[in-house]
Every structure is written in C-alpha cells, then in structure tokens.
Amino acid sequence: TLAFSTKKIELNLKNTDSNYNKNVWLWTYQGKANYQVNLSNLPDWLSITKDPGNVADETAVEFKIQIKPQFLQQGTNSFSLMATAPNYTNAKLDIIINTNLPPTVNAGSDRAI
C-alpha cells in the first residue's frame, strides 16, 4: 500500500492574512515504490513541494503543502493530490479549504472599501 500520512486536510478560513503550511508524508507499508505525482496543475491558492526523487518506502517522502488564502474564492475550494506506483494502491490526499471571507463592498468607484 502507498499512503499519505493523512487522507484529508480541511481548513475553515475567515481571513486572508497569512499563508497556512502543513507537512504530510508519502510512504509504503512494505517495499520501495517508484511513485508518480503530478504537481503541474495546482490551483493558484495551493503550492506543493516534495523531497527530491520518486521513491517512497517505509521511511517516507515529505510533501510541504502551502495554502495561499489571498487566491481563494469565497466558499469551498478543493484539490485532490494523487500518488501512483506500479503494484501499489493509489494514495490520495484531499485538500479542502472553506472560506467565509468578509464581502467586498463597492462604493461606486474603482475602489473597494
């Protein structure tokens, strides 16, 4: 089995003041997995970096997740990260960000107040 250290990251954010960082690990229960993960189509609000290489084993590979709230839309924002390897079950990490940001009021000009 190929697995992330958690299956889901879920946050409820009320402001866009600062980034949120979380580390997760990809590992196997047994053996070495030559895994693949696609980090090229991430939404603007999400940044993911990982340890170099593409081999996961019992010692784990670290993934650094960064949520950039300034790019989030009001409501629910989500992304699923999948790791695959031959002869292993897929690993899936769901990232769900719920925002309840204060509304922007337009005062009749180009500026929001």
PDB file of N, CA and C in Angstrom:
ATOM      1  N   THR A   1       0.831  -1.195   0.000  1.00  0.00           N
ATOM      2  CA  THR A   1       0.000   0.000   0.000  1.00  0.00           C
ATOM      3  C   THR A   1       0.868   1.249   0.000  1.00  0.00           C
ATOM      4  N   LEU A   2       0.504   2.206  -0.818  1.00  0.00           N
ATOM      5  CA  LEU A   2       1.113   3.527  -0.873  1.00  0.00           C
ATOM      6  C   LEU A   2       0.125   4.460  -0.184  1.00  0.00           C
ATOM      7  N   ALA A   3       0.593   5.294   0.751  1.00  0.00           N
ATOM      8  CA  ALA A   3      -0.347   6.118   1.516  1.00  0.00           C
ATOM      9  C   ALA A   3       0.287   7.433   1.947  1.00  0.00           C
ATOM     10  N   PHE A   4      -0.563   8.457   2.048  1.00  0.00           N
ATOM     11  CA  PHE A   4      -0.160   9.700   2.689  1.00  0.00           C
ATOM     12  C   PHE A   4      -0.394   9.554   4.187  1.00  0.00           C
ATOM     13  N   SER A   5       0.308  10.354   4.979  1.00  0.00           N
ATOM     14  CA  SER A   5       0.185  10.283   6.428  1.00  0.00           C
ATOM     15  C   SER A   5      -1.191  10.716   6.923  1.00  0.00           C
ATOM     16  N   THR A   6      -1.924  11.426   6.104  1.00  0.00           N
ATOM     17  CA  THR A   6      -3.315  11.777   6.382  1.00  0.00           C
ATOM     18  C   THR A   6      -4.076  11.702   5.066  1.00  0.00           C
ATOM     19  N   LYS A   7      -5.364  11.437   5.134  1.00  0.00           N
ATOM     20  CA  LYS A   7      -6.156  11.352   3.911  1.00  0.00           C
ATOM     21  C   LYS A   7      -6.777  12.682   3.523  1.00  0.00           C
ATOM     22  N   LYS A   8      -6.841  13.616   4.511  1.00  0.00           N
ATOM     23  CA  LYS A   8      -7.531  14.871   4.226  1.00  0.00           C
ATOM     24  C   LYS A   8      -6.950  15.998   5.066  1.00  0.00           C
ATOM     25  N   ILE A   9      -6.807  17.154   4.420  1.00  0.00           N
ATOM     26  CA  ILE A   9      -6.534  18.418   5.103  1.00  0.00           C
ATOM     27  C   ILE A   9      -7.774  19.269   4.865  1.00  0.00           C
ATOM     28  N   GLU A  10      -8.426  19.678   5.938  1.00  0.00           N
ATOM     29  CA  GLU A  10      -9.612  20.521   5.795  1.00  0.00           C
ATOM     30  C   GLU A  10      -9.479  21.714   6.727  1.00  0.00           C
ATOM     31  N   LEU A  11      -9.627  22.909   6.158  1.00  0.00           N
ATOM     32  CA  LEU A  11      -9.488  24.149   6.919  1.00  0.00           C
ATOM     33  C   LEU A  11     -10.699  25.031   6.700  1.00  0.00           C
ATOM     34  N   ASN A  12     -11.052  25.780   7.743  1.00  0.00           N
ATOM     35  CA  ASN A  12     -12.072  26.814   7.653  1.00  0.00           C
ATOM     36  C   ASN A  12     -11.373  28.140   7.915  1.00  0.00           C
ATOM     37  N   LEU A  13     -11.246  28.953   6.877  1.00  0.00           N
ATOM     38  CA  LEU A  13     -10.525  30.214   6.985  1.00  0.00           C
ATOM     39  C   LEU A  13     -11.491  31.389   6.993  1.00  0.00           C
ATOM     40  N   LYS A  14     -11.195  32.380   7.835  1.00  0.00           N
ATOM     41  CA  LYS A  14     -12.033  33.566   7.924  1.00  0.00           C
ATOM     42  C   LYS A  14     -11.324  34.815   7.441  1.00  0.00           C
ATOM     43  N   ASN A  15     -10.038  34.717   7.135  1.00  0.00           N
ATOM     44  CA  ASN A  15      -9.336  35.880   6.599  1.00  0.00           C
ATOM     45  C   ASN A  15      -8.207  35.421   5.687  1.00  0.00           C
ATOM     46  N   THR A  16      -7.603  36.372   5.022  1.00  0.00           N
ATOM     47  CA  THR A  16      -6.529  36.063   4.075  1.00  0.00           C
ATOM     48  C   THR A  16      -5.209  36.668   4.537  1.00  0.00           C
ATOM     49  N   ASP A  17      -5.051  36.804   5.831  1.00  0.00           N
ATOM     50  CA  ASP A  17      -3.876  37.494   6.366  1.00  0.00           C
ATOM     51  C   ASP A  17      -2.561  36.753   6.161  1.00  0.00           C
ATOM     52  N   SER A  18      -2.553  35.455   6.310  1.00  0.00           N
ATOM     53  CA  SER A  18      -1.276  34.744   6.228  1.00  0.00           C
ATOM     54  C   SER A  18      -1.449  33.365   5.604  1.00  0.00           C
ATOM     55  N   ASN A  19      -0.343  32.845   5.081  1.00  0.00           N
ATOM     56  CA  ASN A  19      -0.343  31.511   4.489  1.00  0.00           C
ATOM     57  C   ASN A  19      -0.446  30.456   5.574  1.00  0.00           C
ATOM     58  N   TYR A  20      -0.957  29.293   5.195  1.00  0.00           N
ATOM     59  CA  TYR A  20      -1.053  28.150   6.096  1.00  0.00           C
ATOM     60  C   TYR A  20      -0.133  27.072   5.549  1.00  0.00           C
ATOM     61  N   ASN A  21       0.718  26.514   6.394  1.00  0.00           N
ATOM     62  CA  ASN A  21       1.670  25.477   5.975  1.00  0.00           C
ATOM     63  C   ASN A  21       1.420  24.188   6.725  1.00  0.00           C
ATOM     64  N   LYS A  22       1.536  23.079   6.014  1.00  0.00           N
ATOM     65  CA  LYS A  22       1.368  21.752   6.615  1.00  0.00           C
ATOM     66  C   LYS A  22       2.274  20.779   5.887  1.00  0.00           C
ATOM     67  N   ASN A  23       2.888  19.881   6.622  1.00  0.00           N
ATOM     68  CA  ASN A  23       3.700  18.824   6.024  1.00  0.00           C
ATOM     69  C   ASN A  23       2.939  17.501   6.107  1.00  0.00           C
ATOM     70  N   VAL A  24       2.996  16.736   5.028  1.00  0.00           N
ATOM     71  CA  VAL A  24       2.463  15.379   5.006  1.00  0.00           C
ATOM     72  C   VAL A  24       3.535  14.474   4.424  1.00  0.00           C
ATOM     73  N   TRP A  25       3.404  13.185   4.665  1.00  0.00           N
ATOM     74  CA  TRP A  25       4.408  12.229   4.207  1.00  0.00           C
ATOM     75  C   TRP A  25       3.753  11.144   3.378  1.00  0.00           C
ATOM     76  N   LEU A  26       4.462  10.733   2.335  1.00  0.00           N
ATOM     77  CA  LEU A  26       4.054   9.617   1.493  1.00  0.00           C
ATOM     78  C   LEU A  26       4.969   8.451   1.812  1.00  0.00           C
ATOM     79  N   TRP A  27       4.393   7.274   2.043  1.00  0.00           N
ATOM     80  CA  TRP A  27       5.195   6.130   2.442  1.00  0.00           C
ATOM     81  C   TRP A  27       4.512   4.836   2.009  1.00  0.00           C
ATOM     82  N   THR A  28       5.217   3.751   2.151  1.00  0.00           N
ATOM     83  CA  THR A  28       4.653   2.429   1.877  1.00  0.00           C
ATOM     84  C   THR A  28       4.680   1.604   3.158  1.00  0.00           C
ATOM     85  N   TYR A  29       3.784   0.644   3.220  1.00  0.00           N
ATOM     86  CA  TYR A  29       3.809  -0.301   4.340  1.00  0.00           C
ATOM     87  C   TYR A  29       4.974  -1.273   4.201  1.00  0.00           C
ATOM     88  N   GLN A  30       5.343  -1.533   2.955  1.00  0.00           N
ATOM     89  CA  GLN A  30       6.395  -2.518   2.698  1.00  0.00           C
ATOM     90  C   GLN A  30       6.989  -2.270   1.321  1.00  0.00           C
ATOM     91  N   GLY A  31       8.299  -2.348   1.212  1.00  0.00           N
ATOM     92  CA  GLY A  31       8.977  -2.241  -0.076  1.00  0.00           C
ATOM     93  C   GLY A  31       9.207  -0.810  -0.514  1.00  0.00           C
ATOM     94  N   LYS A  32       9.762  -0.690  -1.718  1.00  0.00           N
ATOM     95  CA  LYS A  32      10.048   0.619  -2.316  1.00  0.00           C
ATOM     96  C   LYS A  32       9.142   0.815  -3.514  1.00  0.00           C
ATOM     97  N   ALA A  33       8.495   1.978  -3.567  1.00  0.00           N
ATOM     98  CA  ALA A  33       7.576   2.291  -4.655  1.00  0.00           C
ATOM     99  C   ALA A  33       8.152   3.424  -5.498  1.00  0.00           C
ATOM    100  N   ASN A  34       8.279   3.194  -6.785  1.00  0.00           N
ATOM    101  CA  ASN A  34       8.648   4.258  -7.728  1.00  0.00           C
ATOM    102  C   ASN A  34       7.360   4.986  -8.098  1.00  0.00           C
ATOM    103  N   TYR A  35       7.066   6.042  -7.365  1.00  0.00           N
ATOM    104  CA  TYR A  35       5.777   6.707  -7.491  1.00  0.00           C
ATOM    105  C   TYR A  35       5.828   7.882  -8.461  1.00  0.00           C
ATOM    106  N   GLN A  36       4.645   8.285  -8.897  1.00  0.00           N
ATOM    107  CA  GLN A  36       4.457   9.466  -9.732  1.00  0.00           C
ATOM    108  C   GLN A  36       3.401  10.339  -9.076  1.00  0.00           C
ATOM    109  N   VAL A  37       3.624  11.642  -9.106  1.00  0.00           N
ATOM    110  CA  VAL A  37       2.641  12.601  -8.624  1.00  0.00           C
ATOM    111  C   VAL A  37       2.734  13.827  -9.529  1.00  0.00           C
ATOM    112  N   ASN A  38       1.577  14.333  -9.951  1.00  0.00           N
ATOM    113  CA  ASN A  38       1.553  15.465 -10.877  1.00  0.00           C
ATOM    114  C   ASN A  38       1.352  16.752 -10.084  1.00  0.00           C
ATOM    115  N   LEU A  39       2.382  17.594 -10.052  1.00  0.00           N
ATOM    116  CA  LEU A  39       2.306  18.871  -9.349  1.00  0.00           C
ATOM    117  C   LEU A  39       2.218  20.055 -10.312  1.00  0.00           C
ATOM    118  N   SER A  40       1.915  19.783 -11.575  1.00  0.00           N
ATOM    119  CA  SER A  40       1.954  20.848 -12.578  1.00  0.00           C
ATOM    120  C   SER A  40       0.634  21.597 -12.738  1.00  0.00           C
ATOM    121  N   ASN A  41      -0.471  21.069 -12.260  1.00  0.00           N
ATOM    122  CA  ASN A  41      -1.774  21.709 -12.474  1.00  0.00           C
ATOM    123  C   ASN A  41      -2.410  22.159 -11.169  1.00  0.00           C
ATOM    124  N   LEU A  42      -1.617  22.730 -10.287  1.00  0.00           N
ATOM    125  CA  LEU A  42      -2.135  23.169  -8.992  1.00  0.00           C
ATOM    126  C   LEU A  42      -2.910  24.472  -9.133  1.00  0.00           C
ATOM    127  N   PRO A  43      -3.973  24.639  -8.338  1.00  0.00           N
ATOM    128  CA  PRO A  43      -4.666  25.928  -8.351  1.00  0.00           C
ATOM    129  C   PRO A  43      -3.760  27.026  -7.769  1.00  0.00           C
ATOM    130  N   ASP A  44      -4.079  28.282  -8.063  1.00  0.00           N
ATOM    131  CA  ASP A  44      -3.250  29.405  -7.602  1.00  0.00           C
ATOM    132  C   ASP A  44      -3.101  29.449  -6.086  1.00  0.00           C
ATOM    133  N   TRP A  45      -4.105  28.969  -5.365  1.00  0.00           N
ATOM    134  CA  TRP A  45      -4.094  29.059  -3.903  1.00  0.00           C
ATOM    135  C   TRP A  45      -3.275  27.960  -3.235  1.00  0.00           C
ATOM    136  N   LEU A  46      -2.701  27.062  -4.025  1.00  0.00           N
ATOM    137  CA  LEU A  46      -2.015  25.901  -3.471  1.00  0.00           C
ATOM    138  C   LEU A  46      -0.595  25.776  -4.024  1.00  0.00           C
ATOM    139  N   SER A  47       0.348  25.537  -3.124  1.00  0.00           N
ATOM    140  CA  SER A  47       1.731  25.259  -3.510  1.00  0.00           C
ATOM    141  C   SER A  47       2.151  23.964  -2.821  1.00  0.00           C
ATOM    142  N   ILE A  48       2.765  23.064  -3.577  1.00  0.00           N
ATOM    143  CA  ILE A  48       3.236  21.795  -3.021  1.00  0.00           C
ATOM    144  C   ILE A  48       4.657  21.555  -3.498  1.00  0.00           C
ATOM    145  N   THR A  49       5.555  21.313  -2.560  1.00  0.00           N
ATOM    146  CA  THR A  49       6.909  20.892  -2.891  1.00  0.00           C
ATOM    147  C   THR A  49       7.164  19.571  -2.187  1.00  0.00           C
ATOM    148  N   LYS A  50       8.127  18.803  -2.697  1.00  0.00           N
ATOM    149  CA  LYS A  50       8.399  17.491  -2.112  1.00  0.00           C
ATOM    150  C   LYS A  50       9.890  17.227  -2.071  1.00  0.00           C
ATOM    151  N   ASP A  51      10.248  16.220  -1.292  1.00  0.00           N
ATOM    152  CA  ASP A  51      11.635  15.766  -1.271  1.00  0.00           C
ATOM    153  C   ASP A  51      12.041  15.355  -2.686  1.00  0.00           C
ATOM    154  N   PRO A  52      13.336  15.461  -3.023  1.00  0.00           N
ATOM    155  CA  PRO A  52      13.778  15.036  -4.354  1.00  0.00           C
ATOM    156  C   PRO A  52      13.607  13.526  -4.559  1.00  0.00           C
ATOM    157  N   GLY A  53      13.525  13.132  -5.806  1.00  0.00           N
ATOM    158  CA  GLY A  53      13.401  11.714  -6.142  1.00  0.00           C
ATOM    159  C   GLY A  53      11.958  11.288  -6.251  1.00  0.00           C
ATOM    160  N   ASN A  54      11.767  10.036  -6.671  1.00  0.00           N
ATOM    161  CA  ASN A  54      10.427   9.477  -6.839  1.00  0.00           C
ATOM    162  C   ASN A  54      10.327   8.082  -6.246  1.00  0.00           C
ATOM    163  N   VAL A  55      11.030   7.832  -5.151  1.00  0.00           N
ATOM    164  CA  VAL A  55      10.952   6.524  -4.491  1.00  0.00           C
ATOM    165  C   VAL A  55      10.440   6.732  -3.073  1.00  0.00           C
ATOM    166  N   ALA A  56       9.365   6.044  -2.740  1.00  0.00           N
ATOM    167  CA  ALA A  56       8.823   6.076  -1.382  1.00  0.00           C
ATOM    168  C   ALA A  56       9.007   4.698  -0.768  1.00  0.00           C
ATOM    169  N   ASP A  57       9.315   4.671   0.520  1.00  0.00           N
ATOM    170  CA  ASP A  57       9.404   3.407   1.251  1.00  0.00           C
ATOM    171  C   ASP A  57       8.929   3.648   2.677  1.00  0.00           C
ATOM    172  N   GLU A  58       9.319   2.770   3.597  1.00  0.00           N
ATOM    173  CA  GLU A  58       8.864   2.887   4.982  1.00  0.00           C
ATOM    174  C   GLU A  58       9.374   4.153   5.674  1.00  0.00           C
ATOM    175  N   THR A  59      10.431   4.793   5.137  1.00  0.00           N
ATOM    176  CA  THR A  59      10.985   5.988   5.772  1.00  0.00           C
ATOM    177  C   THR A  59      10.272   7.268   5.339  1.00  0.00           C
ATOM    178  N   ALA A  60       9.483   7.265   4.312  1.00  0.00           N
ATOM    179  CA  ALA A  60       8.587   8.343   3.881  1.00  0.00           C
ATOM    180  C   ALA A  60       9.274   9.447   3.079  1.00  0.00           C
ATOM    181  N   VAL A  61       8.455  10.106   2.270  1.00  0.00           N
ATOM    182  CA  VAL A  61       8.843  11.255   1.465  1.00  0.00           C
ATOM    183  C   VAL A  61       8.012  12.433   1.963  1.00  0.00           C
ATOM    184  N   GLU A  62       8.670  13.553   2.239  1.00  0.00           N
ATOM    185  CA  GLU A  62       7.954  14.713   2.774  1.00  0.00           C
ATOM    186  C   GLU A  62       7.390  15.588   1.662  1.00  0.00           C
ATOM    187  N   PHE A  63       6.128  15.978   1.820  1.00  0.00           N
ATOM    188  CA  PHE A  63       5.464  16.939   0.950  1.00  0.00           C
ATOM    189  C   PHE A  63       5.127  18.160   1.797  1.00  0.00           C
ATOM    190  N   LYS A  64       5.488  19.350   1.306  1.00  0.00           N
ATOM    191  CA  LYS A  64       5.183  20.592   2.008  1.00  0.00           C
ATOM    192  C   LYS A  64       4.017  21.262   1.287  1.00  0.00           C
ATOM    193  N   ILE A  65       2.930  21.412   2.023  1.00  0.00           N
ATOM    194  CA  ILE A  65       1.709  21.987   1.483  1.00  0.00           C
ATOM    195  C   ILE A  65       1.613  23.431   1.974  1.00  0.00           C
ATOM    196  N   GLN A  66       1.361  24.357   1.058  1.00  0.00           N
ATOM    197  CA  GLN A  66       1.156  25.745   1.453  1.00  0.00           C
ATOM    198  C   GLN A  66      -0.138  26.241   0.831  1.00  0.00           C
ATOM    199  N   ILE A  67      -1.021  26.761   1.693  1.00  0.00           N
ATOM    200  CA  ILE A  67      -2.270  27.364   1.257  1.00  0.00           C
ATOM    201  C   ILE A  67      -2.060  28.877   1.236  1.00  0.00           C
ATOM    202  N   LYS A  68      -2.373  29.489   0.093  1.00  0.00           N
ATOM    203  CA  LYS A  68      -2.227  30.937  -0.064  1.00  0.00           C
ATOM    204  C   LYS A  68      -3.627  31.555  -0.113  1.00  0.00           C
ATOM    205  N   PRO A  69      -4.142  31.966   1.052  1.00  0.00           N
ATOM    206  CA  PRO A  69      -5.540  32.398   1.137  1.00  0.00           C
ATOM    207  C   PRO A  69      -5.910  33.580   0.254  1.00  0.00           C
ATOM    208  N   GLN A  70      -4.945  34.417  -0.106  1.00  0.00           N
ATOM    209  CA  GLN A  70      -5.270  35.576  -0.929  1.00  0.00           C
ATOM    210  C   GLN A  70      -5.800  35.181  -2.306  1.00  0.00           C
ATOM    211  N   PHE A  71      -5.607  33.928  -2.717  1.00  0.00           N
ATOM    212  CA  PHE A  71      -6.078  33.455  -4.015  1.00  0.00           C
ATOM    213  C   PHE A  71      -7.342  32.594  -3.927  1.00  0.00           C
ATOM    214  N   LEU A  72      -7.867  32.402  -2.726  1.00  0.00           N
ATOM    215  CA  LEU A  72      -9.055  31.569  -2.546  1.00  0.00           C
ATOM    216  C   LEU A  72     -10.317  32.297  -2.982  1.00  0.00           C
ATOM    217  N   GLN A  73     -11.283  31.527  -3.452  1.00  0.00           N
ATOM    218  CA  GLN A  73     -12.610  32.047  -3.751  1.00  0.00           C
ATOM    219  C   GLN A  73     -13.499  31.837  -2.525  1.00  0.00           C
ATOM    220  N   GLN A  74     -14.511  32.668  -2.387  1.00  0.00           N
ATOM    221  CA  GLN A  74     -15.488  32.503  -1.311  1.00  0.00           C
ATOM    222  C   GLN A  74     -16.159  31.143  -1.467  1.00  0.00           C
ATOM    223  N   GLY A  75     -16.343  30.428  -0.360  1.00  0.00           N
ATOM    224  CA  GLY A  75     -16.986  29.119  -0.404  1.00  0.00           C
ATOM    225  C   GLY A  75     -15.974  27.999  -0.238  1.00  0.00           C
ATOM    226  N   THR A  76     -16.190  26.898  -0.948  1.00  0.00           N
ATOM    227  CA  THR A  76     -15.332  25.723  -0.824  1.00  0.00           C
ATOM    228  C   THR A  76     -14.361  25.653  -1.994  1.00  0.00           C
ATOM    229  N   ASN A  77     -13.079  25.485  -1.667  1.00  0.00           N
ATOM    230  CA  ASN A  77     -12.009  25.301  -2.644  1.00  0.00           C
ATOM    231  C   ASN A  77     -11.403  23.929  -2.362  1.00  0.00           C
ATOM    232  N   SER A  78     -11.206  23.134  -3.386  1.00  0.00           N
ATOM    233  CA  SER A  78     -10.681  21.789  -3.126  1.00  0.00           C
ATOM    234  C   SER A  78      -9.729  21.333  -4.219  1.00  0.00           C
ATOM    235  N   PHE A  79      -8.868  20.394  -3.833  1.00  0.00           N
ATOM    236  CA  PHE A  79      -7.919  19.782  -4.755  1.00  0.00           C
ATOM    237  C   PHE A  79      -7.586  18.399  -4.214  1.00  0.00           C
ATOM    238  N   SER A  80      -7.465  17.424  -5.088  1.00  0.00           N
ATOM    239  CA  SER A  80      -7.054  16.079  -4.696  1.00  0.00           C
ATOM    240  C   SER A  80      -5.689  15.779  -5.294  1.00  0.00           C
ATOM    241  N   LEU A  81      -4.745  15.420  -4.432  1.00  0.00           N
ATOM    242  CA  LEU A  81      -3.402  15.043  -4.851  1.00  0.00           C
ATOM    243  C   LEU A  81      -3.327  13.522  -4.882  1.00  0.00           C
ATOM    244  N   MET A  82      -2.942  12.973  -6.029  1.00  0.00           N
ATOM    245  CA  MET A  82      -2.842  11.522  -6.189  1.00  0.00           C
ATOM    246  C   MET A  82      -1.400  11.112  -6.412  1.00  0.00           C
ATOM    247  N   ALA A  83      -0.997  10.059  -5.733  1.00  0.00           N
ATOM    248  CA  ALA A  83       0.305   9.433  -5.972  1.00  0.00           C
ATOM    249  C   ALA A  83       0.030   8.012  -6.447  1.00  0.00           C
ATOM    250  N   THR A  84       0.695   7.624  -7.525  1.00  0.00           N
ATOM    251  CA  THR A  84       0.514   6.285  -8.081  1.00  0.00           C
ATOM    252  C   THR A  84       1.862   5.597  -8.217  1.00  0.00           C
ATOM    253  N   ALA A  85       1.842   4.284  -8.124  1.00  0.00           N
ATOM    254  CA  ALA A  85       3.049   3.477  -8.310  1.00  0.00           C
ATOM    255  C   ALA A  85       2.622   2.096  -8.789  1.00  0.00           C
ATOM    256  N   PRO A  86       3.391   1.498  -9.700  1.00  0.00           N
ATOM    257  CA  PRO A  86       3.056   0.151 -10.162  1.00  0.00           C
ATOM    258  C   PRO A  86       3.001  -0.833  -8.985  1.00  0.00           C
ATOM    259  N   ASN A  87       1.982  -1.674  -8.990  1.00  0.00           N
ATOM    260  CA  ASN A  87       1.789  -2.733  -7.991  1.00  0.00           C
ATOM    261  C   ASN A  87       1.466  -2.210  -6.590  1.00  0.00           C
ATOM    262  N   TYR A  88       1.059  -0.951  -6.477  1.00  0.00           N
ATOM    263  CA  TYR A  88       0.637  -0.370  -5.194  1.00  0.00           C
ATOM    264  C   TYR A  88      -0.725   0.278  -5.374  1.00  0.00           C
ATOM    265  N   THR A  89      -1.508   0.321  -4.297  1.00  0.00           N
ATOM    266  CA  THR A  89      -2.760   1.070  -4.341  1.00  0.00           C
ATOM    267  C   THR A  89      -2.418   2.561  -4.413  1.00  0.00           C
ATOM    268  N   ASN A  90      -3.270   3.338  -5.057  1.00  0.00           N
ATOM    269  CA  ASN A  90      -3.046   4.779  -5.168  1.00  0.00           C
ATOM    270  C   ASN A  90      -3.189   5.447  -3.807  1.00  0.00           C
ATOM    271  N   ALA A  91      -2.413   6.488  -3.603  1.00  0.00           N
ATOM    272  CA  ALA A  91      -2.535   7.310  -2.396  1.00  0.00           C
ATOM    273  C   ALA A  91      -3.240   8.597  -2.790  1.00  0.00           C
ATOM    274  N   LYS A  92      -4.202   9.018  -1.978  1.00  0.00           N
ATOM    275  CA  LYS A  92      -4.966  10.227  -2.283  1.00  0.00           C
ATOM    276  C   LYS A  92      -4.982  11.134  -1.062  1.00  0.00           C
ATOM    277  N   LEU A  93      -4.717  12.417  -1.299  1.00  0.00           N
ATOM    278  CA  LEU A  93      -4.795  13.435  -0.266  1.00  0.00           C
ATOM    279  C   LEU A  93      -5.781  14.495  -0.737  1.00  0.00           C
ATOM    280  N   ASP A  94      -6.895  14.634  -0.011  1.00  0.00           N
ATOM    281  CA  ASP A  94      -7.880  15.663  -0.330  1.00  0.00           C
ATOM    282  C   ASP A  94      -7.558  16.915   0.468  1.00  0.00           C
ATOM    283  N   ILE A  95      -7.516  18.044  -0.223  1.00  0.00           N
ATOM    284  CA  ILE A  95      -7.264  19.340   0.410  1.00  0.00           C
ATOM    285  C   ILE A  95      -8.528  20.165   0.205  1.00  0.00           C
ATOM    286  N   ILE A  96      -9.191  20.505   1.305  1.00  0.00           N
ATOM    287  CA  ILE A  96     -10.470  21.210   1.254  1.00  0.00           C
ATOM    288  C   ILE A  96     -10.350  22.469   2.108  1.00  0.00           C
ATOM    289  N   ILE A  97     -10.576  23.607   1.484  1.00  0.00           N
ATOM    290  CA  ILE A  97     -10.484  24.883   2.181  1.00  0.00           C
ATOM    291  C   ILE A  97     -11.832  25.586   2.063  1.00  0.00           C
ATOM    292  N   ASN A  98     -12.464  25.814   3.199  1.00  0.00           N
ATOM    293  CA  ASN A  98     -13.725  26.545   3.247  1.00  0.00           C
ATOM    294  C   ASN A  98     -13.422  27.972   3.681  1.00  0.00           C
ATOM    295  N   THR A  99     -13.920  28.927   2.911  1.00  0.00           N
ATOM    296  CA  THR A  99     -13.662  30.324   3.253  1.00  0.00           C
ATOM    297  C   THR A  99     -14.964  31.026   3.584  1.00  0.00           C
ATOM    298  N   ASN A 100     -14.889  31.855   4.576  1.00  0.00           N
ATOM    299  CA  ASN A 100     -16.005  32.703   4.957  1.00  0.00           C
ATOM    300  C   ASN A 100     -15.429  34.108   5.074  1.00  0.00           C
ATOM    301  N   LEU A 101     -15.024  34.646   3.924  1.00  0.00           N
ATOM    302  CA  LEU A 101     -14.359  35.935   3.892  1.00  0.00           C
ATOM    303  C   LEU A 101     -15.386  37.055   3.943  1.00  0.00           C
ATOM    304  N   PRO A 102     -15.036  38.176   4.582  1.00  0.00           N
ATOM    305  CA  PRO A 102     -15.968  39.303   4.600  1.00  0.00           C
ATOM    306  C   PRO A 102     -16.209  39.802   3.184  1.00  0.00           C
ATOM    307  N   PRO A 103     -17.441  40.201   2.864  1.00  0.00           N
ATOM    308  CA  PRO A 103     -17.723  40.668   1.499  1.00  0.00           C
ATOM    309  C   PRO A 103     -17.028  41.988   1.208  1.00  0.00           C
ATOM    310  N   THR A 104     -16.722  42.198  -0.059  1.00  0.00           N
ATOM    311  CA  THR A 104     -16.162  43.459  -0.519  1.00  0.00           C
ATOM    312  C   THR A 104     -17.323  44.335  -0.980  1.00  0.00           C
ATOM    313  N   VAL A 105     -17.356  45.558  -0.516  1.00  0.00           N
ATOM    314  CA  VAL A 105     -18.431  46.476  -0.868  1.00  0.00           C
ATOM    315  C   VAL A 105     -17.886  47.484  -1.866  1.00  0.00           C
ATOM    316  N   ASN A 106     -18.579  47.647  -2.969  1.00  0.00           N
ATOM    317  CA  ASN A 106     -18.173  48.620  -3.972  1.00  0.00           C
ATOM    318  C   ASN A 106     -18.906  49.920  -3.688  1.00  0.00           C
ATOM    319  N   ALA A 107     -18.158  51.009  -3.508  1.00  0.00           N
ATOM    320  CA  ALA A 107     -18.738  52.298  -3.160  1.00  0.00           C
ATOM    321  C   ALA A 107     -19.028  53.144  -4.401  1.00  0.00           C
ATOM    322  N   GLY A 108     -19.168  52.529  -5.546  1.00  0.00           N
ATOM    323  CA  GLY A 108     -19.480  53.259  -6.750  1.00  0.00           C
ATOM    324  C   GLY A 108     -18.256  53.761  -7.500  1.00  0.00           C
ATOM    325  N   SER A 109     -17.081  53.387  -7.079  1.00  0.00           N
ATOM    326  CA  SER A 109     -15.865  53.776  -7.775  1.00  0.00           C
ATOM    327  C   SER A 109     -15.065  52.535  -8.059  1.00  0.00           C
ATOM    328  N   ASP A 110     -13.826  52.694  -8.470  1.00  0.00           N
ATOM    329  CA  ASP A 110     -12.957  51.553  -8.746  1.00  0.00           C
ATOM    330  C   ASP A 110     -12.418  50.925  -7.474  1.00  0.00           C
ATOM    331  N   ARG A 111     -12.571  51.603  -6.366  1.00  0.00           N
ATOM    332  CA  ARG A 111     -12.001  51.118  -5.110  1.00  0.00           C
ATOM    333  C   ARG A 111     -13.034  50.353  -4.302  1.00  0.00           C
ATOM    334  N   ALA A 112     -12.590  49.267  -3.713  1.00  0.00           N
ATOM    335  CA  ALA A 112     -13.440  48.536  -2.771  1.00  0.00           C
ATOM    336  C   ALA A 112     -13.141  49.052  -1.374  1.00  0.00           C
ATOM    337  N   ILE A 113     -14.175  49.121  -0.545  1.00  0.00           N
ATOM    338  CA  ILE A 113     -13.945  49.568   0.831  1.00  0.00           C
ATOM    339  C   ILE A 113     -14.341  48.484   1.796  1.00  0.00           C
TER     340      ILE A 113
END
